[in-house]
C-alpha atoms as a PDB file:
ATOM      1  CA  MET A   1      41.046 -57.288  -3.927  1.00  0.00           C
ATOM      2  CA  ILE A   2      42.038 -54.790  -1.274  1.00  0.00           C
ATOM      3  CA  SER A   3      45.050 -53.567  -3.192  1.00  0.00           C
ATOM      4  CA  LEU A   4      42.859 -52.960  -6.290  1.00  0.00           C
ATOM      5  CA  GLN A   5      40.026 -51.056  -4.502  1.00  0.00           C
ATOM      6  CA  PHE A   6      42.146 -48.850  -2.276  1.00  0.00           C
ATOM      7  CA  PRO A   7      43.386 -46.538  -5.054  1.00  0.00           C
ATOM      8  CA  ILE A   8      39.801 -46.188  -6.331  1.00  0.00           C
ATOM      9  CA  TYR A   9      38.561 -45.357  -2.818  1.00  0.00           C
ATOM     10  CA  ARG A  10      41.411 -42.867  -2.398  1.00  0.00           C
ATOM     11  CA  THR A  11      40.311 -41.191  -5.632  1.00  0.00           C
ATOM     12  CA  ILE A  12      36.580 -41.105  -4.923  1.00  0.00           C
ATOM     13  CA  PHE A  13      36.801 -39.997  -1.268  1.00  0.00           C
ATOM     14  CA  PRO A  14      38.014 -36.421  -1.972  1.00  0.00           C
ATOM     15  CA  ILE A  15      35.316 -36.064  -4.640  1.00  0.00           C
ATOM     16  CA  LEU A  16      32.612 -37.167  -2.191  1.00  0.00           C
ATOM     17  CA  CYS A  17      33.918 -34.762   0.445  1.00  0.00           C
ATOM     18  CA  GLY A  18      33.864 -31.926  -2.059  1.00  0.00           C
ATOM     19  CA  LEU A  19      30.295 -32.704  -3.045  1.00  0.00           C
ATOM     20  CA  LEU A  20      29.209 -32.777   0.594  1.00  0.00           C
ATOM     21  CA  LEU A  21      30.826 -29.391   1.253  1.00  0.00           C
ATOM     22  CA  LEU A  22      29.214 -27.940  -1.851  1.00  0.00           C
ATOM     23  CA  LEU A  23      25.777 -29.237  -0.854  1.00  0.00           C
ATOM     24  CA  SER A  24      26.130 -27.924   2.695  1.00  0.00           C
ATOM     25  CA  GLY A  25      27.122 -24.514   1.336  1.00  0.00           C
ATOM     26  CA  CYS A  26      24.146 -24.444  -1.017  1.00  0.00           C
ATOM     27  CA  SER A  27      21.784 -25.191   1.862  1.00  0.00           C
ATOM     28  CA  THR A  28      22.825 -22.062   3.804  1.00  0.00           C
ATOM     29  CA  LEU A  29      23.589 -19.425   1.152  1.00  0.00           C
ATOM     30  CA  PRO A  30      20.037 -19.021  -0.243  1.00  0.00           C
ATOM     31  CA  ARG A  31      18.619 -18.410   3.254  1.00  0.00           C
ATOM     32  CA  GLN A  32      21.151 -15.596   3.869  1.00  0.00           C
ATOM     33  CA  ALA A  33      20.527 -14.065   0.450  1.00  0.00           C
ATOM     34  CA  GLU A  34      16.752 -14.240   0.964  1.00  0.00           C
ATOM     35  CA  ASP A  35      16.950 -12.520   4.354  1.00  0.00           C
ATOM     36  CA  ILE A  36      19.107  -9.698   2.968  1.00  0.00           C
ATOM     37  CA  GLY A  37      16.894  -9.348  -0.101  1.00  0.00           C
ATOM     38  CA  GLN A  38      13.733  -8.929   1.960  1.00  0.00           C
ATOM     39  CA  THR A  39      15.214  -6.150   4.114  1.00  0.00           C
ATOM     40  CA  VAL A  40      16.755  -4.201   1.246  1.00  0.00           C
ATOM     41  CA  GLY A  41      13.746  -4.866  -0.997  1.00  0.00           C
ATOM     42  CA  TRP A  42      11.283  -3.144   1.351  1.00  0.00           C
ATOM     43  CA  GLU A  43      13.585  -0.160   1.888  1.00  0.00           C
ATOM     44  CA  LEU A  44      14.039   0.304  -1.837  1.00  0.00           C
ATOM     45  CA  ARG A  45      10.319  -0.124  -2.497  1.00  0.00           C
ATOM     46  CA  GLN A  46       9.406   2.402   0.202  1.00  0.00           C
ATOM     47  CA  GLN A  47      11.900   4.916  -1.212  1.00  0.00           C
ATOM     48  CA  GLN A  48      10.571   4.412  -4.740  1.00  0.00           C
ATOM     49  CA  LEU A  49       6.949   4.902  -3.699  1.00  0.00           C
ATOM     50  CA  ASN A  50       7.743   7.984  -1.605  1.00  0.00           C
ATOM     51  CA  GLU A  51       9.290   9.552  -4.704  1.00  0.00           C
ATOM     52  CA  ILE A  52       5.892   9.416  -6.425  1.00  0.00           C
ATOM     53  CA  THR A  53       4.712  12.876  -5.357  1.00  0.00           C
ATOM     54  CA  GLU A  54       2.434  13.629  -8.306  1.00  0.00           C
ATOM     55  CA  TRP A  55      -0.228  11.068  -9.141  1.00  0.00           C
ATOM     56  CA  SER A  56      -3.879  10.553  -9.922  1.00  0.00           C
ATOM     57  CA  VAL A  57      -6.163   7.562  -9.574  1.00  0.00           C
ATOM     58  CA  GLU A  58      -9.770   6.785 -10.446  1.00  0.00           C
ATOM     59  CA  GLY A  59     -11.959   4.005  -9.137  1.00  0.00           C
ATOM     60  CA  ARG A  60     -14.858   3.019  -6.915  1.00  0.00           C
ATOM     61  CA  ALA A  61     -15.339   3.643  -3.197  1.00  0.00           C
ATOM     62  CA  ALA A  62     -17.649   1.661  -0.916  1.00  0.00           C
ATOM     63  CA  PHE A  63     -18.474   3.023   2.552  1.00  0.00           C
ATOM     64  CA  ARG A  64     -20.165   1.191   5.397  1.00  0.00           C
ATOM     65  CA  VAL A  65     -21.021   2.198   8.965  1.00  0.00           C
ATOM     66  CA  SER A  66     -22.748  -0.596  10.909  1.00  0.00           C
ATOM     67  CA  GLN A  67     -25.627  -1.564   8.592  1.00  0.00           C
ATOM     68  CA  ASP A  68     -25.622   1.659   6.583  1.00  0.00           C
ATOM     69  CA  GLY A  69     -23.592   1.864   3.380  1.00  0.00           C
ATOM     70  CA  GLY A  70     -23.127   3.435   0.007  1.00  0.00           C
ATOM     71  CA  GLN A  71     -20.942   3.490  -3.089  1.00  0.00           C
ATOM     72  CA  SER A  72     -19.447   6.161  -5.282  1.00  0.00           C
ATOM     73  CA  SER A  73     -16.972   6.588  -8.087  1.00  0.00           C
ATOM     74  CA  PHE A  74     -14.030   8.813  -7.222  1.00  0.00           C
ATOM     75  CA  ARG A  75     -11.064  10.631  -8.675  1.00  0.00           C
ATOM     76  CA  TRP A  76      -8.015  11.612  -6.645  1.00  0.00           C
ATOM     77  CA  ASN A  77      -5.404  14.056  -7.976  1.00  0.00           C
ATOM     78  CA  HIS A  78      -2.323  14.643  -5.862  1.00  0.00           C
ATOM     79  CA  ALA A  79       0.540  17.133  -6.299  1.00  0.00           C
ATOM     80  CA  PRO A  80       3.372  18.025  -3.882  1.00  0.00           C
ATOM     81  CA  SER A  81       1.520  21.028  -2.401  1.00  0.00           C
ATOM     82  CA  SER A  82      -2.142  20.310  -3.192  1.00  0.00           C
ATOM     83  CA  GLN A  83      -4.672  17.569  -3.785  1.00  0.00           C
ATOM     84  CA  GLN A  84      -8.218  17.199  -5.069  1.00  0.00           C
ATOM     85  CA  PHE A  85     -10.525  14.370  -4.043  1.00  0.00           C
ATOM     86  CA  THR A  86     -13.857  14.075  -5.864  1.00  0.00           C
ATOM     87  CA  LEU A  87     -16.757  11.742  -5.073  1.00  0.00           C
ATOM     88  CA  ALA A  88     -19.435  11.393  -7.754  1.00  0.00           C
ATOM     89  CA  GLY A  89     -22.167  10.799  -5.182  1.00  0.00           C
ATOM     90  CA  VAL A  90     -22.673   9.055  -1.854  1.00  0.00           C
ATOM     91  CA  LEU A  91     -26.210   7.911  -0.979  1.00  0.00           C
ATOM     92  CA  GLY A  92     -27.765  10.347  -3.455  1.00  0.00           C
ATOM     93  CA  MET A  93     -26.020  13.439  -2.035  1.00  0.00           C
ATOM     94  CA  GLY A  94     -24.516  14.383  -5.387  1.00  0.00           C
ATOM     95  CA  ALA A  95     -20.898  15.170  -6.178  1.00  0.00           C
ATOM     96  CA  LEU A  96     -18.461  16.296  -3.496  1.00  0.00           C
ATOM     97  CA  GLU A  97     -15.139  17.965  -4.207  1.00  0.00           C
ATOM     98  CA  LEU A  98     -12.459  18.247  -1.550  1.00  0.00           C
ATOM     99  CA  LYS A  99      -9.500  20.535  -2.267  1.00  0.00           C
ATOM    100  CA  SER A 100      -6.487  20.735   0.007  1.00  0.00           C
ATOM    101  CA  GLY A 101      -3.682  23.299  -0.085  1.00  0.00           C
ATOM    102  CA  PRO A 102      -0.662  23.944   2.124  1.00  0.00           C
ATOM    103  CA  SER A 103      -2.751  25.425   4.955  1.00  0.00           C
ATOM    104  CA  ARG A 104      -6.396  25.316   3.924  1.00  0.00           C
ATOM    105  CA  VAL A 105      -9.046  22.772   2.942  1.00  0.00           C
ATOM    106  CA  ARG A 106     -12.186  23.531   0.942  1.00  0.00           C
ATOM    107  CA  LEU A 107     -15.164  21.251   0.368  1.00  0.00           C
ATOM    108  CA  ILE A 108     -17.713  21.969  -2.364  1.00  0.00           C
ATOM    109  CA  THR A 109     -21.002  20.095  -2.185  1.00  0.00           C
ATOM    110  CA  GLY A 110     -23.226  19.023  -5.052  1.00  0.00           C
ATOM    111  CA  THR A 111     -25.501  22.010  -4.392  1.00  0.00           C
ATOM    112  CA  GLY A 112     -22.604  24.451  -4.643  1.00  0.00           C
ATOM    113  CA  GLU A 113     -22.199  25.011  -0.913  1.00  0.00           C
ATOM    114  CA  VAL A 114     -18.614  25.853   0.048  1.00  0.00           C
ATOM    115  CA  ILE A 115     -17.212  24.830   3.431  1.00  0.00           C
ATOM    116  CA  ASP A 116     -13.707  25.886   4.477  1.00  0.00           C
ATOM    117  CA  GLY A 117     -11.611  24.323   7.200  1.00  0.00           C
ATOM    118  CA  GLU A 118      -8.219  23.006   8.169  1.00  0.00           C
ATOM    119  CA  ASP A 119      -8.827  19.250   8.347  1.00  0.00           C
ATOM    120  CA  ALA A 120      -9.893  17.270   5.271  1.00  0.00           C
ATOM    121  CA  GLU A 121     -11.173  14.285   7.226  1.00  0.00           C
ATOM    122  CA  GLN A 122     -13.314  16.480   9.488  1.00  0.00           C
ATOM    123  CA  LEU A 123     -14.815  18.429   6.569  1.00  0.00           C
ATOM    124  CA  LEU A 124     -15.744  15.250   4.723  1.00  0.00           C
ATOM    125  CA  PHE A 125     -17.345  13.813   7.858  1.00  0.00           C
ATOM    126  CA  GLN A 126     -19.241  17.056   8.432  1.00  0.00           C
ATOM    127  CA  ALA A 127     -20.704  16.969   4.906  1.00  0.00           C
ATOM    128  CA  THR A 128     -21.383  13.243   4.494  1.00  0.00           C
ATOM    129  CA  GLY A 129     -21.269  11.580   7.903  1.00  0.00           C
ATOM    130  CA  TRP A 130     -18.630   9.208   6.513  1.00  0.00           C
ATOM    131  CA  LEU A 131     -15.292   8.827   8.274  1.00  0.00           C
ATOM    132  CA  PHE A 132     -12.362   8.632   5.858  1.00  0.00           C
ATOM    133  CA  PRO A 133      -8.655   9.268   6.716  1.00  0.00           C
ATOM    134  CA  VAL A 134      -7.869  11.443   3.688  1.00  0.00           C
ATOM    135  CA  ASP A 135      -4.283  12.378   4.549  1.00  0.00           C
ATOM    136  CA  GLU A 136      -3.140   8.918   5.665  1.00  0.00           C
ATOM    137  CA  ALA A 137      -4.983   7.134   2.860  1.00  0.00           C
ATOM    138  CA  GLY A 138      -2.959   9.123   0.321  1.00  0.00           C
ATOM    139  CA  TYR A 139       0.031   7.045   1.447  1.00  0.00           C
ATOM    140  CA  TRP A 140      -1.776   3.776   2.119  1.00  0.00           C
ATOM    141  CA  ILE A 141      -3.141   3.532  -1.427  1.00  0.00           C
ATOM    142  CA  ARG A 142       0.472   3.717  -2.657  1.00  0.00           C
ATOM    143  CA  GLY A 143       1.385   0.812  -0.388  1.00  0.00           C
ATOM    144  CA  ILE A 144       3.404   2.702   2.247  1.00  0.00           C
ATOM    145  CA  PRO A 145       2.769   3.904   5.843  1.00  0.00           C
ATOM    146  CA  ALA A 146       1.921   7.555   6.392  1.00  0.00           C
ATOM    147  CA  PRO A 147       4.783   9.588   7.926  1.00  0.00           C
ATOM    148  CA  THR A 148       2.371  11.436  10.230  1.00  0.00           C
ATOM    149  CA  GLY A 149       2.098   8.693  12.854  1.00  0.00           C
ATOM    150  CA  ARG A 150       3.816   5.579  14.104  1.00  0.00           C
ATOM    151  CA  ALA A 151       2.628   2.289  12.648  1.00  0.00           C
ATOM    152  CA  ASP A 152       1.434  -0.036  15.406  1.00  0.00           C
ATOM    153  CA  SER A 153       1.960  -3.090  13.197  1.00  0.00           C
ATOM    154  CA  MET A 154       2.944  -3.802   9.619  1.00  0.00           C
ATOM    155  CA  VAL A 155       3.066  -7.001   7.550  1.00  0.00           C
ATOM    156  CA  LEU A 156       4.792  -7.482   4.194  1.00  0.00           C
ATOM    157  CA  ASP A 157       4.036 -10.184   1.668  1.00  0.00           C
ATOM    158  CA  GLN A 158       6.607 -12.467   0.021  1.00  0.00           C
ATOM    159  CA  LYS A 159       7.383  -9.795  -2.596  1.00  0.00           C
ATOM    160  CA  ASN A 160       8.184  -7.137   0.043  1.00  0.00           C
ATOM    161  CA  ARG A 161       4.904  -5.326  -0.622  1.00  0.00           C
ATOM    162  CA  LEU A 162       2.782  -3.873   2.143  1.00  0.00           C
ATOM    163  CA  GLN A 163       0.054  -6.379   2.969  1.00  0.00           C
ATOM    164  CA  SER A 164      -1.499  -4.975   6.143  1.00  0.00           C
ATOM    165  CA  LEU A 165      -0.974  -1.992   8.416  1.00  0.00           C
ATOM    166  CA  SER A 166      -2.346  -0.611  11.684  1.00  0.00           C
ATOM    167  CA  GLN A 167      -1.906   3.144  11.969  1.00  0.00           C
ATOM    168  CA  SER A 168      -3.795   6.158  13.366  1.00  0.00           C
ATOM    169  CA  GLY A 169      -6.511   3.890  14.739  1.00  0.00           C
ATOM    170  CA  TRP A 170      -7.178   2.280  11.344  1.00  0.00           C
ATOM    171  CA  ASN A 171      -6.493  -1.245  10.091  1.00  0.00           C
ATOM    172  CA  MET A 172      -5.598  -1.306   6.414  1.00  0.00           C
ATOM    173  CA  ARG A 173      -5.167  -4.275   4.076  1.00  0.00           C
ATOM    174  CA  VAL A 174      -4.046  -4.398   0.457  1.00  0.00           C
ATOM    175  CA  ARG A 175      -6.060  -7.153  -1.179  1.00  0.00           C
ATOM    176  CA  ARG A 176      -4.560  -6.917  -4.662  1.00  0.00           C
ATOM    177  CA  TYR A 177      -1.683  -5.210  -6.513  1.00  0.00           C
ATOM    178  CA  GLN A 178      -1.225  -4.094 -10.124  1.00  0.00           C
ATOM    179  CA  SER A 179       1.712  -2.975 -12.248  1.00  0.00           C
ATOM    180  CA  VAL A 180       1.690   0.711 -13.271  1.00  0.00           C
ATOM    181  CA  ASP A 181       4.580   1.835 -15.489  1.00  0.00           C
ATOM    182  CA  GLY A 182       6.799  -0.823 -13.961  1.00  0.00           C
ATOM    183  CA  VAL A 183       5.774   0.034 -10.370  1.00  0.00           C
ATOM    184  CA  GLU A 184       3.543  -2.227  -8.277  1.00  0.00           C
ATOM    185  CA  LEU A 185       0.697  -0.203  -6.766  1.00  0.00           C
ATOM    186  CA  PRO A 186      -2.396  -1.347  -4.864  1.00  0.00           C
ATOM    187  CA  ALA A 187      -5.490  -2.249  -6.873  1.00  0.00           C
ATOM    188  CA  LEU A 188      -7.831  -2.984  -3.948  1.00  0.00           C
ATOM    189  CA  VAL A 189      -7.505  -1.515  -0.443  1.00  0.00           C
ATOM    190  CA  VAL A 190      -9.736  -2.057   2.590  1.00  0.00           C
ATOM    191  CA  MET A 191      -9.637   0.283   5.626  1.00  0.00           C
ATOM    192  CA  GLU A 192     -11.477  -0.422   8.882  1.00  0.00           C
ATOM    193  CA  ARG A 193     -11.953   1.387  12.165  1.00  0.00           C
ATOM    194  CA  ASP A 194     -14.477   0.233  14.752  1.00  0.00           C
ATOM    195  CA  ASP A 195     -17.718  -0.211  12.764  1.00  0.00           C
ATOM    196  CA  VAL A 196     -16.488   1.850   9.785  1.00  0.00           C
ATOM    197  CA  ARG A 197     -15.320   0.082   6.624  1.00  0.00           C
ATOM    198  CA  VAL A 198     -14.013   1.742   3.469  1.00  0.00           C
ATOM    199  CA  LYS A 199     -13.092  -0.215   0.354  1.00  0.00           C
ATOM    200  CA  LEU A 200     -11.270   1.475  -2.518  1.00  0.00           C
ATOM    201  CA  SER A 201     -11.029  -0.178  -5.914  1.00  0.00           C
ATOM    202  CA  LEU A 202      -8.154   1.624  -7.667  1.00  0.00           C
ATOM    203  CA  VAL A 203      -8.746   1.189 -11.381  1.00  0.00           C
ATOM    204  CA  ARG A 204      -6.757   3.790 -13.342  1.00  0.00           C
ATOM    205  CA  TRP A 205      -3.448   5.047 -11.992  1.00  0.00           C
ATOM    206  CA  ARG A 206      -1.224   7.762 -13.442  1.00  0.00           C
ATOM    207  CA  VAL A 207       2.110   8.522 -11.786  1.00  0.00           C
ATOM    208  CA  ASP A 208       4.792  11.163 -12.382  1.00  0.00           C
ATOM    209  CA  TYR A 209       8.195  11.331 -10.714  1.00  0.00           C
END
């Protein structure tokens, strides 16, 4: 019996060893590939989104300060050297149009009043009493940090998309993404700072490279 089984054992043993080596290799390679993919994936995504310098988006904005709140439809047009942010009406104040150029910001109220300044966020607060980080939010709604300040914390989801971010005193979360011309862009963004909460529902995107 021993003389008959030994050749079989000698034949099967190398096969078993090979299978064990193959299985052990398979258990480690996917982890390495996943780690590399996550790092490179975020860098490539960030580069791709930063290349979108001309875009427009329409949707709904909801503002809340403590117990006071309001809603408005909005349209945001952005070009490399200028942008235009329009609110249809917040708490019955009528339309507001905020235009930013290389060195100047102009706000036009629903009554036709024109206010000039140098800071978009400050002008909007002056006219409405609502705090909204216009410059930073132009990056956040694309799913990337703003280059103007260091991010205190940042979390990515399993698809290497920005999930949450703390920057410039604001906490931002992307609740939902959507595909726009093959690019994944936020569909719902929530921004909070102290007792201020801003929710942007981004319905219609248009992007140009």
